[in-house]
Amino acid sequence: MTHSTPAAVLWDMDGTLINSEPYWIAAEVEIVESFGGEWTHDDALAVVGSGLFNSARAMQSKGVALEAQTIVDRLTDRVMTQLEEFGIPWRPGARELLLEIREASVPTALVTMSITRMAHHVVDNLGFVGFDAVIAGDDVEQPKPHPEAYLLGAKTLGVSISDCVAIEDSPPGATSAFSSGATVIGVPFMVDIPAEQTHALWPTLAGRTLAHLSELHTKVASQ
């Protein structure tokens, strides 16, 4: 079978492209504890991959007496400070796969629930032009698991979502991509992803190539 290269590859950021989830959790704990509350590991896992305003509401329920927008801004500031202090921790194989995709002239979009300024901080520090478009959490009305972000990503690139491959690490993200109509590769990190919300589950992107993406895309398209 001839493998069909996808029209575009759509990437999640936190937990997929970069290992930033521990930074988010540290920021959440810091803010909740500053108001005398407790933010457990289970609390943190419950909001992985969803919109930041969902995280803000969960933190408000733990006693954080701030407006949701203020919480989102403080979380983002704290995570960006950690990224600047410790550097951007790339997930295994992610940067290498992205570079190969770019060298093959396949369009790409970053589809993240982080807000625009953080998304562009990561994009600007890739070391190469990694993305043709950036869709951030403040670009959509409905956060993941709603499909809006992925549909907007494909629309911005001028391609059909059914011709795209999406790479995700969380249940909300995988559900968003799957319900949009993309071919979905789940690379679980902090939490497990239900198999029925993906077309493939890979333990890591290390060693994966554009040929692997094309093979899966061709298989899904032929079903």
N, C-alpha and C. Protein backbone atom coordinates (compact mmCIF):
# COMPACT_ATOMS: atom_id res chain seq x y z
N MET A 1 0.84 -1.19 0.00
CA MET A 1 0.00 0.00 0.00
C MET A 1 0.88 1.25 0.00
N THR A 2 0.56 2.19 -0.85
CA THR A 2 1.26 3.46 -0.86
C THR A 2 0.81 4.29 0.33
N HIS A 3 1.76 4.80 1.09
CA HIS A 3 1.42 5.58 2.27
C HIS A 3 1.18 7.02 1.88
N SER A 4 0.08 7.57 2.39
CA SER A 4 -0.31 8.95 2.08
C SER A 4 0.19 9.89 3.17
N THR A 5 1.03 10.84 2.78
CA THR A 5 1.51 11.84 3.74
C THR A 5 0.33 12.71 4.17
N PRO A 6 0.15 12.94 5.46
CA PRO A 6 -0.96 13.80 5.90
C PRO A 6 -0.82 15.21 5.35
N ALA A 7 -1.96 15.87 5.16
CA ALA A 7 -1.96 17.26 4.67
C ALA A 7 -1.36 18.20 5.68
N ALA A 8 -1.43 17.83 6.95
CA ALA A 8 -0.87 18.66 8.03
C ALA A 8 -0.76 17.81 9.29
N VAL A 9 0.13 18.23 10.17
CA VAL A 9 0.26 17.58 11.47
C VAL A 9 -0.01 18.64 12.54
N LEU A 10 -0.94 18.32 13.44
CA LEU A 10 -1.38 19.23 14.49
C LEU A 10 -0.85 18.73 15.83
N TRP A 11 -0.14 19.58 16.52
CA TRP A 11 0.55 19.21 17.75
C TRP A 11 -0.07 19.87 18.98
N ASP A 12 -0.32 19.07 20.00
CA ASP A 12 -0.53 19.62 21.33
C ASP A 12 0.83 20.08 21.86
N MET A 13 0.83 20.93 22.87
CA MET A 13 2.10 21.44 23.41
C MET A 13 2.44 20.82 24.75
N ASP A 14 1.72 21.19 25.81
CA ASP A 14 2.07 20.76 27.16
C ASP A 14 1.90 19.25 27.32
N GLY A 15 3.01 18.57 27.62
CA GLY A 15 2.97 17.12 27.80
C GLY A 15 3.20 16.35 26.53
N THR A 16 3.08 17.00 25.37
CA THR A 16 3.29 16.33 24.08
C THR A 16 4.57 16.81 23.43
N LEU A 17 4.66 18.10 23.18
CA LEU A 17 5.88 18.67 22.62
C LEU A 17 6.90 18.96 23.72
N ILE A 18 6.42 19.48 24.85
CA ILE A 18 7.32 19.81 25.96
C ILE A 18 6.83 19.19 27.26
N ASN A 19 7.77 18.92 28.15
CA ASN A 19 7.47 18.32 29.44
C ASN A 19 7.22 19.41 30.48
N SER A 20 6.13 20.15 30.27
CA SER A 20 5.82 21.30 31.13
C SER A 20 4.80 20.98 32.21
N GLU A 21 4.18 19.80 32.17
CA GLU A 21 3.14 19.51 33.16
C GLU A 21 3.63 19.64 34.60
N PRO A 22 4.85 19.18 34.93
CA PRO A 22 5.32 19.39 36.31
C PRO A 22 5.41 20.86 36.69
N TYR A 23 5.69 21.74 35.72
CA TYR A 23 5.74 23.17 35.98
C TYR A 23 4.34 23.70 36.31
N TRP A 24 3.35 23.23 35.55
CA TRP A 24 1.97 23.64 35.82
C TRP A 24 1.52 23.18 37.20
N ILE A 25 1.85 21.94 37.53
CA ILE A 25 1.43 21.41 38.83
C ILE A 25 2.09 22.20 39.96
N ALA A 26 3.37 22.51 39.82
CA ALA A 26 4.06 23.30 40.85
C ALA A 26 3.42 24.67 41.01
N ALA A 27 3.03 25.27 39.88
CA ALA A 27 2.39 26.59 39.94
C ALA A 27 1.03 26.50 40.61
N GLU A 28 0.27 25.45 40.30
CA GLU A 28 -1.05 25.28 40.93
C GLU A 28 -0.93 25.10 42.43
N VAL A 29 0.00 24.24 42.84
CA VAL A 29 0.21 24.00 44.28
C VAL A 29 0.58 25.30 44.99
N GLU A 30 1.48 26.05 44.39
CA GLU A 30 1.95 27.30 45.00
C GLU A 30 0.80 28.28 45.22
N ILE A 31 -0.06 28.43 44.22
CA ILE A 31 -1.15 29.39 44.33
C ILE A 31 -2.20 28.92 45.34
N VAL A 32 -2.60 27.64 45.25
CA VAL A 32 -3.62 27.13 46.17
C VAL A 32 -3.13 27.22 47.62
N GLU A 33 -1.88 26.82 47.85
CA GLU A 33 -1.34 26.85 49.22
C GLU A 33 -1.20 28.26 49.74
N SER A 34 -1.02 29.24 48.85
CA SER A 34 -0.91 30.64 49.30
C SER A 34 -2.22 31.14 49.88
N PHE A 35 -3.33 30.44 49.55
CA PHE A 35 -4.64 30.78 50.10
C PHE A 35 -5.06 29.79 51.19
N GLY A 36 -4.11 28.99 51.66
CA GLY A 36 -4.39 28.08 52.77
C GLY A 36 -5.06 26.79 52.35
N GLY A 37 -5.14 26.53 51.06
CA GLY A 37 -5.78 25.31 50.58
C GLY A 37 -4.77 24.21 50.29
N GLU A 38 -5.31 23.08 49.84
CA GLU A 38 -4.47 21.93 49.49
C GLU A 38 -4.79 21.51 48.07
N TRP A 39 -3.75 21.32 47.27
CA TRP A 39 -3.89 20.88 45.88
C TRP A 39 -3.15 19.57 45.75
N THR A 40 -3.90 18.47 45.67
CA THR A 40 -3.28 17.15 45.65
C THR A 40 -2.85 16.77 44.24
N HIS A 41 -2.10 15.69 44.16
CA HIS A 41 -1.68 15.19 42.85
C HIS A 41 -2.90 14.79 42.01
N ASP A 42 -3.89 14.22 42.66
CA ASP A 42 -5.13 13.85 41.96
C ASP A 42 -5.85 15.10 41.43
N ASP A 43 -5.85 16.17 42.22
CA ASP A 43 -6.45 17.43 41.76
C ASP A 43 -5.76 17.90 40.48
N ALA A 44 -4.43 17.81 40.49
CA ALA A 44 -3.66 18.26 39.33
C ALA A 44 -3.95 17.39 38.11
N LEU A 45 -3.98 16.08 38.29
CA LEU A 45 -4.22 15.18 37.16
C LEU A 45 -5.61 15.39 36.57
N ALA A 46 -6.56 15.80 37.41
CA ALA A 46 -7.94 15.97 36.94
C ALA A 46 -8.09 17.09 35.92
N VAL A 47 -7.15 18.03 35.89
CA VAL A 47 -7.27 19.17 34.96
C VAL A 47 -6.22 19.12 33.85
N VAL A 48 -5.41 18.06 33.81
CA VAL A 48 -4.39 17.95 32.75
C VAL A 48 -5.06 17.91 31.38
N GLY A 49 -4.62 18.79 30.50
CA GLY A 49 -5.11 18.77 29.12
C GLY A 49 -6.35 19.59 28.86
N SER A 50 -6.98 20.08 29.91
CA SER A 50 -8.20 20.87 29.71
C SER A 50 -7.86 22.36 29.69
N GLY A 51 -8.86 23.18 29.45
CA GLY A 51 -8.62 24.62 29.38
C GLY A 51 -8.19 25.20 30.71
N LEU A 52 -7.40 26.28 30.66
CA LEU A 52 -6.90 26.89 31.88
C LEU A 52 -8.01 27.46 32.75
N PHE A 53 -9.11 27.86 32.14
CA PHE A 53 -10.21 28.37 32.96
C PHE A 53 -10.88 27.24 33.73
N ASN A 54 -10.83 26.02 33.21
CA ASN A 54 -11.29 24.87 33.99
C ASN A 54 -10.40 24.68 35.21
N SER A 55 -9.08 24.82 35.00
CA SER A 55 -8.16 24.73 36.13
C SER A 55 -8.43 25.82 37.14
N ALA A 56 -8.68 27.03 36.65
CA ALA A 56 -8.95 28.16 37.54
C ALA A 56 -10.18 27.91 38.40
N ARG A 57 -11.24 27.38 37.79
CA ARG A 57 -12.46 27.09 38.56
C ARG A 57 -12.21 26.03 39.61
N ALA A 58 -11.42 25.02 39.25
CA ALA A 58 -11.09 23.98 40.23
C ALA A 58 -10.29 24.56 41.39
N MET A 59 -9.40 25.48 41.09
CA MET A 59 -8.60 26.11 42.14
C MET A 59 -9.45 27.04 43.01
N GLN A 60 -10.42 27.70 42.40
CA GLN A 60 -11.35 28.52 43.18
C GLN A 60 -12.10 27.66 44.19
N SER A 61 -12.46 26.44 43.77
CA SER A 61 -13.18 25.53 44.67
C SER A 61 -12.32 25.08 45.84
N LYS A 62 -11.00 25.28 45.71
CA LYS A 62 -10.06 24.93 46.78
C LYS A 62 -9.71 26.14 47.64
N GLY A 63 -10.41 27.26 47.40
CA GLY A 63 -10.22 28.43 48.25
C GLY A 63 -9.43 29.57 47.67
N VAL A 64 -9.06 29.48 46.39
CA VAL A 64 -8.30 30.58 45.77
C VAL A 64 -9.27 31.73 45.46
N ALA A 65 -9.15 32.79 46.21
CA ALA A 65 -10.09 33.92 46.10
C ALA A 65 -9.59 34.94 45.08
N LEU A 66 -9.52 34.51 43.84
CA LEU A 66 -9.10 35.37 42.74
C LEU A 66 -10.04 35.16 41.56
N GLU A 67 -10.14 36.17 40.70
CA GLU A 67 -10.89 36.01 39.47
C GLU A 67 -10.19 34.97 38.59
N ALA A 68 -10.97 34.28 37.77
CA ALA A 68 -10.41 33.22 36.93
C ALA A 68 -9.30 33.73 36.03
N GLN A 69 -9.50 34.91 35.43
CA GLN A 69 -8.48 35.46 34.55
C GLN A 69 -7.18 35.73 35.30
N THR A 70 -7.30 36.19 36.53
CA THR A 70 -6.11 36.45 37.34
C THR A 70 -5.37 35.15 37.63
N ILE A 71 -6.12 34.09 37.92
CA ILE A 71 -5.49 32.79 38.17
C ILE A 71 -4.76 32.31 36.91
N VAL A 72 -5.42 32.41 35.76
CA VAL A 72 -4.80 32.00 34.50
C VAL A 72 -3.50 32.77 34.26
N ASP A 73 -3.54 34.07 34.49
CA ASP A 73 -2.35 34.90 34.28
C ASP A 73 -1.23 34.53 35.25
N ARG A 74 -1.59 34.28 36.50
CA ARG A 74 -0.55 33.93 37.49
C ARG A 74 0.05 32.56 37.18
N LEU A 75 -0.78 31.61 36.80
CA LEU A 75 -0.28 30.29 36.42
C LEU A 75 0.69 30.40 35.25
N THR A 76 0.27 31.14 34.24
CA THR A 76 1.10 31.29 33.04
C THR A 76 2.41 31.98 33.37
N ASP A 77 2.36 33.05 34.16
CA ASP A 77 3.58 33.75 34.55
C ASP A 77 4.54 32.82 35.27
N ARG A 78 4.00 32.01 36.16
CA ARG A 78 4.86 31.12 36.96
C ARG A 78 5.49 30.04 36.09
N VAL A 79 4.71 29.48 35.18
CA VAL A 79 5.25 28.44 34.29
C VAL A 79 6.30 29.04 33.35
N MET A 80 6.02 30.22 32.81
CA MET A 80 7.00 30.86 31.92
C MET A 80 8.29 31.19 32.66
N THR A 81 8.19 31.57 33.92
CA THR A 81 9.39 31.83 34.72
C THR A 81 10.22 30.56 34.85
N GLN A 82 9.55 29.43 35.07
CA GLN A 82 10.27 28.16 35.18
C GLN A 82 10.91 27.76 33.85
N LEU A 83 10.21 28.00 32.76
CA LEU A 83 10.76 27.69 31.44
C LEU A 83 12.00 28.54 31.16
N GLU A 84 11.94 29.80 31.58
CA GLU A 84 13.08 30.69 31.36
C GLU A 84 14.24 30.32 32.27
N GLU A 85 13.92 29.87 33.48
CA GLU A 85 14.97 29.53 34.44
C GLU A 85 15.64 28.19 34.13
N PHE A 86 14.83 27.20 33.79
CA PHE A 86 15.35 25.84 33.62
C PHE A 86 15.46 25.41 32.16
N GLY A 87 14.95 26.24 31.24
CA GLY A 87 14.96 25.86 29.83
C GLY A 87 13.71 25.09 29.46
N ILE A 88 13.52 24.89 28.17
CA ILE A 88 12.33 24.18 27.69
C ILE A 88 12.64 22.69 27.62
N PRO A 89 11.92 21.88 28.40
CA PRO A 89 12.19 20.44 28.44
C PRO A 89 11.40 19.70 27.36
N TRP A 90 12.04 19.40 26.26
CA TRP A 90 11.35 18.73 25.15
C TRP A 90 11.02 17.30 25.51
N ARG A 91 9.88 16.82 25.08
CA ARG A 91 9.52 15.42 25.26
C ARG A 91 10.37 14.56 24.32
N PRO A 92 10.69 13.33 24.73
CA PRO A 92 11.56 12.47 23.93
C PRO A 92 11.04 12.29 22.49
N GLY A 93 11.89 12.60 21.54
CA GLY A 93 11.57 12.40 20.13
C GLY A 93 10.70 13.46 19.49
N ALA A 94 10.11 14.35 20.30
CA ALA A 94 9.14 15.30 19.76
C ALA A 94 9.80 16.34 18.85
N ARG A 95 10.86 16.94 19.32
CA ARG A 95 11.52 17.99 18.54
C ARG A 95 12.10 17.40 17.25
N GLU A 96 12.65 16.20 17.36
CA GLU A 96 13.23 15.54 16.19
C GLU A 96 12.16 15.22 15.14
N LEU A 97 11.01 14.73 15.59
CA LEU A 97 9.93 14.42 14.66
C LEU A 97 9.38 15.69 14.02
N LEU A 98 9.22 16.73 14.82
CA LEU A 98 8.73 18.00 14.28
C LEU A 98 9.69 18.54 13.23
N LEU A 99 10.99 18.45 13.48
CA LEU A 99 11.98 18.94 12.52
C LEU A 99 11.90 18.15 11.22
N GLU A 100 11.75 16.84 11.31
CA GLU A 100 11.63 16.03 10.09
C GLU A 100 10.40 16.41 9.29
N ILE A 101 9.29 16.62 9.99
CA ILE A 101 8.05 17.01 9.32
C ILE A 101 8.22 18.34 8.61
N ARG A 102 8.88 19.28 9.26
CA ARG A 102 9.12 20.59 8.66
C ARG A 102 10.03 20.49 7.44
N GLU A 103 11.06 19.67 7.54
CA GLU A 103 11.99 19.50 6.42
C GLU A 103 11.31 18.85 5.21
N ALA A 104 10.23 18.12 5.47
CA ALA A 104 9.45 17.51 4.39
C ALA A 104 8.38 18.46 3.86
N SER A 105 8.34 19.69 4.38
CA SER A 105 7.39 20.73 3.95
C SER A 105 5.94 20.37 4.21
N VAL A 106 5.70 19.58 5.25
CA VAL A 106 4.34 19.28 5.68
C VAL A 106 3.88 20.38 6.63
N PRO A 107 2.75 21.03 6.36
CA PRO A 107 2.27 22.10 7.25
C PRO A 107 2.03 21.60 8.67
N THR A 108 2.22 22.48 9.62
CA THR A 108 2.02 22.14 11.03
C THR A 108 1.31 23.27 11.75
N ALA A 109 0.55 22.89 12.79
CA ALA A 109 -0.06 23.87 13.69
C ALA A 109 0.11 23.39 15.11
N LEU A 110 0.37 24.33 16.00
CA LEU A 110 0.37 24.05 17.43
C LEU A 110 -1.04 24.31 17.92
N VAL A 111 -1.63 23.34 18.62
CA VAL A 111 -3.00 23.46 19.11
C VAL A 111 -2.96 23.21 20.62
N THR A 112 -2.94 24.29 21.38
CA THR A 112 -2.71 24.20 22.82
C THR A 112 -3.76 24.97 23.60
N MET A 113 -3.98 24.56 24.84
CA MET A 113 -4.86 25.32 25.72
C MET A 113 -4.10 26.34 26.55
N SER A 114 -2.77 26.36 26.45
CA SER A 114 -2.00 27.47 27.02
C SER A 114 -2.35 28.74 26.26
N ILE A 115 -2.17 29.88 26.91
CA ILE A 115 -2.53 31.13 26.24
C ILE A 115 -1.43 31.55 25.26
N THR A 116 -1.76 32.51 24.41
CA THR A 116 -0.92 32.86 23.26
C THR A 116 0.51 33.21 23.65
N ARG A 117 0.68 34.02 24.68
CA ARG A 117 2.05 34.47 24.98
C ARG A 117 2.95 33.32 25.41
N MET A 118 2.42 32.32 26.09
CA MET A 118 3.25 31.18 26.45
C MET A 118 3.51 30.30 25.24
N ALA A 119 2.49 30.09 24.42
CA ALA A 119 2.67 29.27 23.22
C ALA A 119 3.77 29.85 22.33
N HIS A 120 3.76 31.16 22.15
CA HIS A 120 4.77 31.79 21.30
C HIS A 120 6.15 31.79 21.95
N HIS A 121 6.20 31.80 23.27
CA HIS A 121 7.50 31.68 23.94
C HIS A 121 8.15 30.35 23.59
N VAL A 122 7.36 29.29 23.60
CA VAL A 122 7.89 27.96 23.26
C VAL A 122 8.26 27.91 21.77
N VAL A 123 7.35 28.37 20.93
CA VAL A 123 7.58 28.34 19.48
C VAL A 123 8.83 29.15 19.11
N ASP A 124 9.01 30.28 19.76
CA ASP A 124 10.15 31.16 19.44
C ASP A 124 11.48 30.59 19.90
N ASN A 125 11.44 29.55 20.74
CA ASN A 125 12.68 28.97 21.26
C ASN A 125 12.93 27.56 20.74
N LEU A 126 12.26 27.18 19.66
CA LEU A 126 12.48 25.88 19.05
C LEU A 126 13.86 25.76 18.43
N GLY A 127 14.35 26.86 17.89
CA GLY A 127 15.61 26.82 17.17
C GLY A 127 15.43 26.69 15.67
N PHE A 128 14.17 26.55 15.24
CA PHE A 128 13.82 26.52 13.82
C PHE A 128 12.36 26.93 13.72
N VAL A 129 11.90 27.25 12.51
CA VAL A 129 10.49 27.63 12.32
C VAL A 129 9.67 26.35 12.34
N GLY A 130 8.99 26.11 13.45
CA GLY A 130 8.32 24.83 13.64
C GLY A 130 6.87 24.79 13.23
N PHE A 131 6.21 25.95 13.18
CA PHE A 131 4.76 25.94 12.98
C PHE A 131 4.31 27.02 12.01
N ASP A 132 3.35 26.64 11.19
CA ASP A 132 2.71 27.59 10.28
C ASP A 132 1.59 28.36 10.98
N ALA A 133 1.08 27.81 12.06
CA ALA A 133 -0.02 28.44 12.78
C ALA A 133 0.05 28.03 14.25
N VAL A 134 -0.43 28.93 15.11
CA VAL A 134 -0.53 28.65 16.54
C VAL A 134 -1.96 28.93 16.98
N ILE A 135 -2.63 27.89 17.47
CA ILE A 135 -3.97 28.03 18.03
C ILE A 135 -3.83 27.85 19.54
N ALA A 136 -4.14 28.92 20.28
CA ALA A 136 -3.98 28.89 21.73
C ALA A 136 -5.34 28.91 22.43
N GLY A 137 -5.29 28.71 23.74
CA GLY A 137 -6.53 28.63 24.50
C GLY A 137 -7.38 29.87 24.43
N ASP A 138 -6.74 31.04 24.26
CA ASP A 138 -7.51 32.28 24.17
C ASP A 138 -7.96 32.58 22.75
N ASP A 139 -7.77 31.64 21.83
CA ASP A 139 -8.27 31.79 20.46
C ASP A 139 -9.62 31.11 20.23
N VAL A 140 -10.07 30.34 21.22
CA VAL A 140 -11.29 29.56 21.04
C VAL A 140 -12.30 29.86 22.15
N GLU A 141 -13.55 29.63 21.83
CA GLU A 141 -14.62 29.79 22.82
C GLU A 141 -14.74 28.55 23.71
N GLN A 142 -14.53 27.38 23.09
CA GLN A 142 -14.71 26.11 23.80
C GLN A 142 -13.36 25.40 23.93
N PRO A 143 -12.90 25.15 25.16
CA PRO A 143 -11.61 24.47 25.35
C PRO A 143 -11.71 22.97 25.05
N LYS A 144 -10.56 22.33 24.91
CA LYS A 144 -10.55 20.87 24.86
C LYS A 144 -11.27 20.35 26.11
N PRO A 145 -12.09 19.33 26.00
CA PRO A 145 -12.22 18.32 24.95
C PRO A 145 -13.12 18.68 23.76
N HIS A 146 -13.64 19.89 23.71
CA HIS A 146 -14.42 20.31 22.53
C HIS A 146 -13.49 20.33 21.32
N PRO A 147 -13.99 20.00 20.12
CA PRO A 147 -13.13 19.93 18.94
C PRO A 147 -12.78 21.28 18.31
N GLU A 148 -13.29 22.39 18.85
CA GLU A 148 -13.11 23.69 18.19
C GLU A 148 -11.65 24.00 17.86
N ALA A 149 -10.75 23.76 18.79
CA ALA A 149 -9.35 24.14 18.59
C ALA A 149 -8.74 23.40 17.40
N TYR A 150 -9.02 22.11 17.30
CA TYR A 150 -8.45 21.34 16.17
C TYR A 150 -9.11 21.72 14.85
N LEU A 151 -10.39 21.97 14.87
CA LEU A 151 -11.06 22.41 13.65
C LEU A 151 -10.51 23.76 13.19
N LEU A 152 -10.23 24.64 14.15
CA LEU A 152 -9.66 25.94 13.81
C LEU A 152 -8.24 25.78 13.27
N GLY A 153 -7.49 24.85 13.84
CA GLY A 153 -6.14 24.60 13.36
C GLY A 153 -6.12 24.18 11.90
N ALA A 154 -6.99 23.24 11.54
CA ALA A 154 -7.07 22.78 10.15
C ALA A 154 -7.55 23.91 9.23
N LYS A 155 -8.56 24.65 9.70
CA LYS A 155 -9.09 25.75 8.90
C LYS A 155 -8.02 26.80 8.63
N THR A 156 -7.24 27.13 9.65
CA THR A 156 -6.19 28.13 9.51
C THR A 156 -5.13 27.69 8.50
N LEU A 157 -4.85 26.40 8.46
CA LEU A 157 -3.88 25.87 7.51
C LEU A 157 -4.49 25.67 6.12
N GLY A 158 -5.81 25.74 6.02
CA GLY A 158 -6.47 25.57 4.74
C GLY A 158 -6.55 24.13 4.28
N VAL A 159 -6.66 23.20 5.25
CA VAL A 159 -6.75 21.79 4.92
C VAL A 159 -7.98 21.18 5.60
N SER A 160 -8.38 20.02 5.12
CA SER A 160 -9.48 19.29 5.76
C SER A 160 -8.98 18.59 7.00
N ILE A 161 -9.75 18.66 8.08
CA ILE A 161 -9.33 18.02 9.32
C ILE A 161 -9.16 16.52 9.14
N SER A 162 -9.92 15.92 8.25
CA SER A 162 -9.82 14.47 8.03
C SER A 162 -8.51 14.10 7.35
N ASP A 163 -7.80 15.07 6.81
CA ASP A 163 -6.50 14.84 6.19
C ASP A 163 -5.34 15.14 7.13
N CYS A 164 -5.65 15.41 8.41
CA CYS A 164 -4.63 15.79 9.39
C CYS A 164 -4.36 14.66 10.38
N VAL A 165 -3.14 14.64 10.87
CA VAL A 165 -2.76 13.81 12.01
C VAL A 165 -2.58 14.73 13.21
N ALA A 166 -3.15 14.35 14.35
CA ALA A 166 -3.00 15.11 15.59
C ALA A 166 -2.27 14.27 16.62
N ILE A 167 -1.40 14.90 17.38
CA ILE A 167 -0.62 14.21 18.40
C ILE A 167 -0.96 14.82 19.75
N GLU A 168 -1.37 13.96 20.69
CA GLU A 168 -1.88 14.40 21.98
C GLU A 168 -1.39 13.51 23.12
N ASP A 169 -1.38 14.07 24.34
CA ASP A 169 -0.92 13.31 25.50
C ASP A 169 -1.98 13.11 26.57
N SER A 170 -3.17 13.73 26.44
CA SER A 170 -4.15 13.70 27.53
C SER A 170 -5.53 13.30 27.02
N PRO A 171 -6.40 12.82 27.92
CA PRO A 171 -7.76 12.47 27.50
C PRO A 171 -8.54 13.64 26.91
N PRO A 172 -8.54 14.85 27.52
CA PRO A 172 -9.27 15.95 26.90
C PRO A 172 -8.74 16.29 25.51
N GLY A 173 -7.43 16.29 25.36
CA GLY A 173 -6.84 16.61 24.07
C GLY A 173 -7.14 15.56 23.02
N ALA A 174 -7.02 14.28 23.39
CA ALA A 174 -7.31 13.21 22.44
C ALA A 174 -8.78 13.23 22.04
N THR A 175 -9.66 13.48 22.99
CA THR A 175 -11.09 13.56 22.69
C THR A 175 -11.37 14.72 21.74
N SER A 176 -10.73 15.85 21.97
CA SER A 176 -10.88 17.02 21.10
C SER A 176 -10.47 16.68 19.68
N ALA A 177 -9.30 16.08 19.53
CA ALA A 177 -8.79 15.76 18.20
C ALA A 177 -9.62 14.67 17.52
N PHE A 178 -9.98 13.65 18.28
CA PHE A 178 -10.74 12.53 17.72
C PHE A 178 -12.11 12.98 17.24
N SER A 179 -12.78 13.80 18.04
CA SER A 179 -14.13 14.25 17.66
C SER A 179 -14.09 15.27 16.54
N SER A 180 -12.92 15.87 16.30
CA SER A 180 -12.79 16.80 15.18
C SER A 180 -12.73 16.08 13.84
N GLY A 181 -12.30 14.82 13.88
CA GLY A 181 -12.18 14.04 12.65
C GLY A 181 -10.76 13.78 12.21
N ALA A 182 -9.79 14.20 13.01
CA ALA A 182 -8.38 13.97 12.69
C ALA A 182 -7.98 12.53 13.00
N THR A 183 -6.89 12.08 12.39
CA THR A 183 -6.24 10.84 12.80
C THR A 183 -5.44 11.15 14.06
N VAL A 184 -5.69 10.41 15.13
CA VAL A 184 -5.15 10.79 16.44
C VAL A 184 -4.12 9.78 16.94
N ILE A 185 -2.96 10.31 17.29
CA ILE A 185 -1.93 9.52 17.96
C ILE A 185 -1.86 9.97 19.41
N GLY A 186 -2.12 9.05 20.31
CA GLY A 186 -2.01 9.35 21.73
C GLY A 186 -0.66 8.93 22.26
N VAL A 187 0.01 9.84 22.94
CA VAL A 187 1.30 9.55 23.58
C VAL A 187 1.13 9.89 25.06
N PRO A 188 0.53 8.99 25.85
CA PRO A 188 0.20 9.31 27.24
C PRO A 188 1.42 9.71 28.05
N PHE A 189 1.21 10.70 28.92
CA PHE A 189 2.31 11.19 29.75
C PHE A 189 1.91 11.13 31.22
N MET A 190 1.14 12.09 31.69
CA MET A 190 0.76 12.13 33.09
C MET A 190 -0.43 11.22 33.40
N VAL A 191 -1.31 11.05 32.42
CA VAL A 191 -2.52 10.25 32.62
C VAL A 191 -2.74 9.35 31.41
N ASP A 192 -3.46 8.26 31.63
CA ASP A 192 -3.77 7.34 30.54
C ASP A 192 -4.80 7.95 29.60
N ILE A 193 -4.75 7.54 28.34
CA ILE A 193 -5.71 7.98 27.34
C ILE A 193 -6.56 6.78 26.93
N PRO A 194 -7.89 6.88 26.97
CA PRO A 194 -8.73 5.77 26.50
C PRO A 194 -8.42 5.43 25.05
N ALA A 195 -8.23 4.15 24.76
CA ALA A 195 -7.85 3.73 23.41
C ALA A 195 -8.89 4.12 22.38
N GLU A 196 -10.16 4.19 22.79
CA GLU A 196 -11.22 4.49 21.83
C GLU A 196 -11.22 5.96 21.40
N GLN A 197 -10.41 6.79 22.03
CA GLN A 197 -10.30 8.19 21.64
C GLN A 197 -9.05 8.47 20.79
N THR A 198 -8.41 7.40 20.32
CA THR A 198 -7.23 7.54 19.47
C THR A 198 -7.31 6.51 18.34
N HIS A 199 -6.42 6.66 17.37
CA HIS A 199 -6.24 5.63 16.34
C HIS A 199 -4.98 4.83 16.61
N ALA A 200 -4.13 5.33 17.49
CA ALA A 200 -2.92 4.61 17.90
C ALA A 200 -2.44 5.19 19.22
N LEU A 201 -1.93 4.32 20.09
CA LEU A 201 -1.30 4.75 21.34
C LEU A 201 0.17 4.37 21.28
N TRP A 202 1.03 5.38 21.34
CA TRP A 202 2.47 5.15 21.32
C TRP A 202 3.05 5.52 22.67
N PRO A 203 3.93 4.71 23.24
CA PRO A 203 4.50 5.04 24.54
C PRO A 203 5.43 6.24 24.50
N THR A 204 5.98 6.55 23.33
CA THR A 204 6.91 7.66 23.17
C THR A 204 6.98 8.05 21.70
N LEU A 205 7.46 9.26 21.44
CA LEU A 205 7.72 9.68 20.06
C LEU A 205 9.17 9.39 19.66
N ALA A 206 9.98 8.95 20.59
CA ALA A 206 11.38 8.64 20.29
C ALA A 206 11.44 7.55 19.22
N GLY A 207 12.17 7.83 18.15
CA GLY A 207 12.31 6.87 17.07
C GLY A 207 11.19 6.91 16.05
N ARG A 208 10.17 7.70 16.29
CA ARG A 208 9.05 7.80 15.34
C ARG A 208 9.39 8.80 14.25
N THR A 209 8.90 8.52 13.04
CA THR A 209 9.21 9.34 11.88
C THR A 209 7.94 9.74 11.13
N LEU A 210 8.11 10.60 10.15
CA LEU A 210 6.98 10.97 9.30
C LEU A 210 6.40 9.75 8.60
N ALA A 211 7.24 8.79 8.28
CA ALA A 211 6.75 7.56 7.64
C ALA A 211 5.76 6.82 8.54
N HIS A 212 6.01 6.81 9.84
CA HIS A 212 5.07 6.18 10.78
C HIS A 212 3.73 6.91 10.78
N LEU A 213 3.78 8.25 10.78
CA LEU A 213 2.55 9.04 10.74
C LEU A 213 1.79 8.77 9.44
N SER A 214 2.50 8.72 8.34
CA SER A 214 1.87 8.51 7.04
C SER A 214 1.24 7.12 6.96
N GLU A 215 1.93 6.14 7.50
CA GLU A 215 1.39 4.76 7.49
C GLU A 215 0.08 4.69 8.27
N LEU A 216 0.05 5.30 9.46
CA LEU A 216 -1.18 5.30 10.25
C LEU A 216 -2.28 6.08 9.55
N HIS A 217 -1.95 7.24 9.02
CA HIS A 217 -2.94 8.07 8.33
C HIS A 217 -3.56 7.31 7.15
N THR A 218 -2.74 6.61 6.39
CA THR A 218 -3.24 5.84 5.26
C THR A 218 -4.18 4.72 5.73
N LYS A 219 -3.82 4.07 6.80
CA LYS A 219 -4.63 2.99 7.36
C LYS A 219 -6.00 3.51 7.80
N VAL A 220 -6.00 4.63 8.51
CA VAL A 220 -7.25 5.21 9.00
C VAL A 220 -8.12 5.69 7.83
N ALA A 221 -7.49 6.33 6.84
CA ALA A 221 -8.22 6.86 5.69
C ALA A 221 -8.88 5.76 4.87
N SER A 222 -8.29 4.55 4.91
CA SER A 222 -8.82 3.45 4.10
C SER A 222 -9.93 2.69 4.79
N GLN A 223 -10.18 3.01 6.05
CA GLN A 223 -11.22 2.28 6.80
C GLN A 223 -12.62 2.79 6.49
